[in-house]
Amino acid sequence: MINLAKPLILASNSPRRKQLLTDAGFEFSVEVLTTDETYPETLPAPKVAAHISAQKAEMFRGLYPGSLVLTADTVVVAENHILAKPGDAADAFRMLKILSGKSHVVVTAVSILSEDIVQTVSDEATVYFRELEDSEITYYIEHYKPFDKAGSYGIQEWIGMTGIEKIEGSFYTIMGLPVHKVYELLKPHFLPTAL
């Protein structure tokens, strides 16, 4: 495990983020607050994830002095529109039809709150889907229920394995946590004997 000078709190219920942070060698606890995920309509789509991630971090201001709080947000941007988490199966089907046969951008932002200072960084990756058949989309939704995922899919699941032809950027950014960016943000907080 990587030794940090302060306790680390992950402010996310995402099982993928928990797994990635664990696999990267960090010990942490999980604390989640209900947060406002709205953003100004005039905000360019690629900047929305950073806005929401920083907003999530601000919610923890003053609550855990002496700790580091890590927040994150992921958005899927297709044709300059944000595809959020689907409301139901029909919405998931609609989103995957939009992504089928085209490329889209995934933006994941991460924020670290330390001593009342919030630092936020974003990372982008481009995903290329082959043309998906309606039966494949239906199969995926029925078997994997991607209702907790921006854009209605998980790259690490069946649809990613069978439908994605290539990616440009970090696999982990698409999965929901750009681990290389998290590592850089946390590096100033490593103990001298961290590694």
Protein backbone atom coordinates (compact mmCIF):
# COMPACT_ATOMS: atom_id res chain seq x y z
CA MET A 1 0.00 0.00 0.00
CA ILE A 2 1.07 3.58 -0.70
CA ASN A 3 1.52 5.53 2.54
CA LEU A 4 -0.13 8.96 2.61
CA ALA A 5 0.48 11.66 5.20
CA LYS A 6 -3.29 12.01 5.73
CA PRO A 7 -6.24 9.62 5.66
CA LEU A 8 -7.88 9.38 2.22
CA ILE A 9 -11.65 9.51 1.77
CA LEU A 10 -13.25 8.44 -1.50
CA ALA A 11 -16.51 10.35 -1.95
CA SER A 12 -18.08 7.89 -4.38
CA ASN A 13 -20.21 4.76 -4.23
CA SER A 14 -18.93 3.60 -7.63
CA PRO A 15 -17.64 0.03 -7.34
CA ARG A 16 -15.36 0.72 -10.32
CA ARG A 17 -13.71 3.72 -8.64
CA LYS A 18 -13.27 1.75 -5.41
CA GLN A 19 -11.63 -1.11 -7.29
CA LEU A 20 -9.31 1.13 -9.32
CA LEU A 21 -8.18 3.09 -6.26
CA THR A 22 -7.52 -0.17 -4.39
CA ASP A 23 -5.64 -1.65 -7.35
CA ALA A 24 -3.49 1.52 -7.51
CA GLY A 25 -2.30 0.79 -3.96
CA PHE A 26 -4.27 3.31 -1.89
CA GLU A 27 -6.02 2.70 1.42
CA PHE A 28 -9.17 4.75 1.90
CA SER A 29 -12.56 4.96 3.50
CA VAL A 30 -15.78 5.81 1.66
CA GLU A 31 -18.06 8.70 2.62
CA VAL A 32 -20.81 9.87 0.30
CA LEU A 33 -22.94 13.00 0.57
CA THR A 34 -25.95 13.88 -1.55
CA THR A 35 -24.62 16.51 -3.91
CA ASP A 36 -25.98 18.97 -6.40
CA GLU A 37 -25.02 17.76 -9.88
CA THR A 38 -26.53 20.66 -11.79
CA TYR A 39 -24.38 22.94 -13.92
CA PRO A 40 -24.85 26.18 -15.88
CA GLU A 41 -26.47 25.56 -19.28
CA THR A 42 -23.84 27.80 -20.86
CA LEU A 43 -20.97 25.60 -19.63
CA PRO A 44 -19.23 23.80 -22.54
CA ALA A 45 -19.91 20.04 -22.36
CA PRO A 46 -16.23 19.04 -21.86
CA LYS A 47 -16.04 21.26 -18.73
CA VAL A 48 -19.11 19.84 -16.99
CA ALA A 49 -17.31 16.93 -15.28
CA ALA A 50 -14.78 19.30 -13.67
CA HIS A 51 -17.57 21.61 -12.49
CA ILE A 52 -19.52 18.75 -10.86
CA SER A 53 -16.43 17.07 -9.37
CA ALA A 54 -15.36 20.36 -7.73
CA GLN A 55 -18.93 20.90 -6.50
CA LYS A 56 -18.86 17.45 -4.86
CA ALA A 57 -15.55 18.29 -3.15
CA GLU A 58 -16.94 21.60 -1.86
CA MET A 59 -19.68 19.67 -0.04
CA PHE A 60 -16.97 18.17 2.22
CA ARG A 61 -15.37 21.50 3.11
CA GLY A 62 -14.78 21.62 6.88
CA LEU A 63 -16.21 18.13 7.53
CA TYR A 64 -13.01 16.06 7.72
CA PRO A 65 -10.11 18.33 8.69
CA GLY A 66 -6.80 16.55 8.37
CA SER A 67 -8.08 14.23 5.64
CA LEU A 68 -7.86 14.18 1.87
CA VAL A 69 -11.21 13.91 0.06
CA LEU A 70 -11.27 12.53 -3.47
CA THR A 71 -14.28 13.20 -5.70
CA ALA A 72 -14.87 12.40 -9.37
CA ASP A 73 -17.38 12.83 -12.15
CA THR A 74 -17.65 11.31 -15.61
CA VAL A 75 -19.57 12.62 -18.60
CA VAL A 76 -20.06 11.12 -22.04
CA VAL A 77 -20.16 13.73 -24.80
CA ALA A 78 -21.66 12.75 -28.15
CA GLU A 79 -22.17 15.36 -30.87
CA ASN A 80 -21.67 18.09 -28.26
CA HIS A 81 -24.48 16.74 -26.06
CA ILE A 82 -24.01 15.11 -22.66
CA LEU A 83 -25.34 11.59 -22.23
CA ALA A 84 -25.95 11.18 -18.50
CA LYS A 85 -27.04 8.04 -16.66
CA PRO A 86 -30.12 6.52 -18.32
CA GLY A 87 -33.49 6.79 -16.62
CA ASP A 88 -34.70 3.39 -17.84
CA ALA A 89 -34.13 0.69 -20.47
CA ALA A 90 -35.68 2.76 -23.26
CA ASP A 91 -33.37 5.68 -22.42
CA ALA A 92 -30.35 3.36 -22.35
CA PHE A 93 -31.34 1.96 -25.76
CA ARG A 94 -31.69 5.50 -27.16
CA MET A 95 -28.21 6.47 -25.92
CA LEU A 96 -26.50 3.35 -27.27
CA LYS A 97 -28.15 3.96 -30.66
CA ILE A 98 -26.60 7.45 -30.62
CA LEU A 99 -23.16 5.97 -29.86
CA SER A 100 -23.46 3.14 -32.41
CA GLY A 101 -21.12 3.43 -35.38
CA LYS A 102 -19.61 6.70 -34.19
CA SER A 103 -16.94 8.14 -31.91
CA HIS A 104 -17.63 10.03 -28.70
CA VAL A 105 -15.59 11.62 -25.92
CA VAL A 106 -15.52 10.55 -22.28
CA VAL A 107 -14.38 13.19 -19.79
CA THR A 108 -13.59 12.21 -16.20
CA ALA A 109 -12.61 14.88 -13.71
CA VAL A 110 -11.14 14.28 -10.26
CA SER A 111 -10.85 16.69 -7.34
CA ILE A 112 -8.82 16.56 -4.14
CA LEU A 113 -9.92 18.60 -1.13
CA SER A 114 -7.06 19.22 1.31
CA GLU A 115 -6.94 21.92 3.98
CA ASP A 116 -9.87 23.75 2.35
CA ILE A 117 -8.14 23.86 -1.05
CA VAL A 118 -9.79 22.05 -3.96
CA GLN A 119 -7.64 20.95 -6.89
CA THR A 120 -9.43 19.62 -9.97
CA VAL A 121 -8.03 18.03 -13.12
CA SER A 122 -9.78 16.45 -16.12
CA ASP A 123 -8.83 13.78 -18.60
CA GLU A 124 -10.41 13.00 -21.97
CA ALA A 125 -10.54 9.83 -24.04
CA THR A 126 -12.19 9.12 -27.40
CA VAL A 127 -14.15 5.91 -27.90
CA TYR A 128 -15.05 4.37 -31.27
CA PHE A 129 -18.03 2.02 -31.40
CA ARG A 130 -18.73 -0.22 -34.38
CA GLU A 131 -22.29 -0.32 -35.69
CA LEU A 132 -24.32 -2.08 -32.99
CA GLU A 133 -27.31 -4.25 -33.88
CA ASP A 134 -30.56 -3.58 -32.02
CA SER A 135 -30.50 -7.15 -30.66
CA GLU A 136 -26.99 -6.58 -29.24
CA ILE A 137 -28.06 -3.37 -27.50
CA THR A 138 -31.14 -5.10 -26.06
CA TYR A 139 -29.06 -8.09 -24.89
CA TYR A 140 -26.57 -5.80 -23.14
CA ILE A 141 -29.24 -3.73 -21.38
CA GLU A 142 -31.15 -6.82 -20.23
CA HIS A 143 -28.08 -8.67 -18.93
CA TYR A 144 -25.89 -5.83 -17.62
CA LYS A 145 -28.43 -3.17 -16.60
CA PRO A 146 -26.13 -0.15 -17.17
CA PHE A 147 -28.38 2.32 -15.35
CA ASP A 148 -25.62 3.64 -13.08
CA LYS A 149 -23.30 4.48 -15.98
CA ALA A 150 -22.93 7.71 -17.93
CA GLY A 151 -23.74 7.02 -21.58
CA SER A 152 -25.38 3.69 -20.64
CA TYR A 153 -22.32 1.50 -20.94
CA GLY A 154 -19.25 0.21 -19.12
CA ILE A 155 -16.13 -0.25 -21.24
CA GLN A 156 -15.10 -3.22 -19.08
CA GLU A 157 -18.40 -5.02 -19.75
CA TRP A 158 -19.68 -7.11 -22.69
CA ILE A 159 -20.63 -4.15 -24.87
CA GLY A 160 -17.15 -2.67 -24.47
CA MET A 161 -15.42 -5.95 -25.25
CA THR A 162 -17.51 -6.69 -28.34
CA GLY A 163 -18.53 -3.24 -29.58
CA ILE A 164 -15.58 -0.89 -29.10
CA GLU A 165 -13.11 -0.93 -32.00
CA LYS A 166 -10.53 1.43 -30.54
CA ILE A 167 -9.90 4.08 -27.94
CA GLU A 168 -7.62 7.10 -27.84
CA GLY A 169 -6.63 7.94 -24.28
CA SER A 170 -6.76 6.16 -20.95
CA PHE A 171 -8.95 3.07 -20.51
CA TYR A 172 -9.30 4.04 -16.84
CA THR A 173 -10.62 7.51 -17.70
CA ILE A 174 -13.41 5.81 -19.66
CA MET A 175 -13.99 3.46 -16.73
CA GLY A 176 -14.50 6.45 -14.43
CA LEU A 177 -11.18 7.20 -12.72
CA PRO A 178 -8.07 8.48 -14.53
CA VAL A 179 -5.68 6.75 -12.14
CA HIS A 180 -2.59 8.50 -13.54
CA LYS A 181 -4.18 11.89 -12.71
CA VAL A 182 -5.21 10.73 -9.22
CA TYR A 183 -1.65 9.53 -8.58
CA GLU A 184 -0.23 12.93 -9.58
CA LEU A 185 -2.72 14.78 -7.37
CA LEU A 186 -1.92 12.59 -4.37
CA LYS A 187 1.86 12.50 -4.88
CA PRO A 188 2.51 15.70 -2.84
CA HIS A 189 0.82 13.92 0.10
CA PHE A 190 3.01 10.79 -0.01
CA LEU A 191 5.11 10.06 3.07
CA PRO A 192 8.87 9.87 2.33
CA THR A 193 8.61 6.08 2.65
CA ALA A 194 5.43 5.93 0.55
CA LEU A 195 6.68 3.44 -2.02
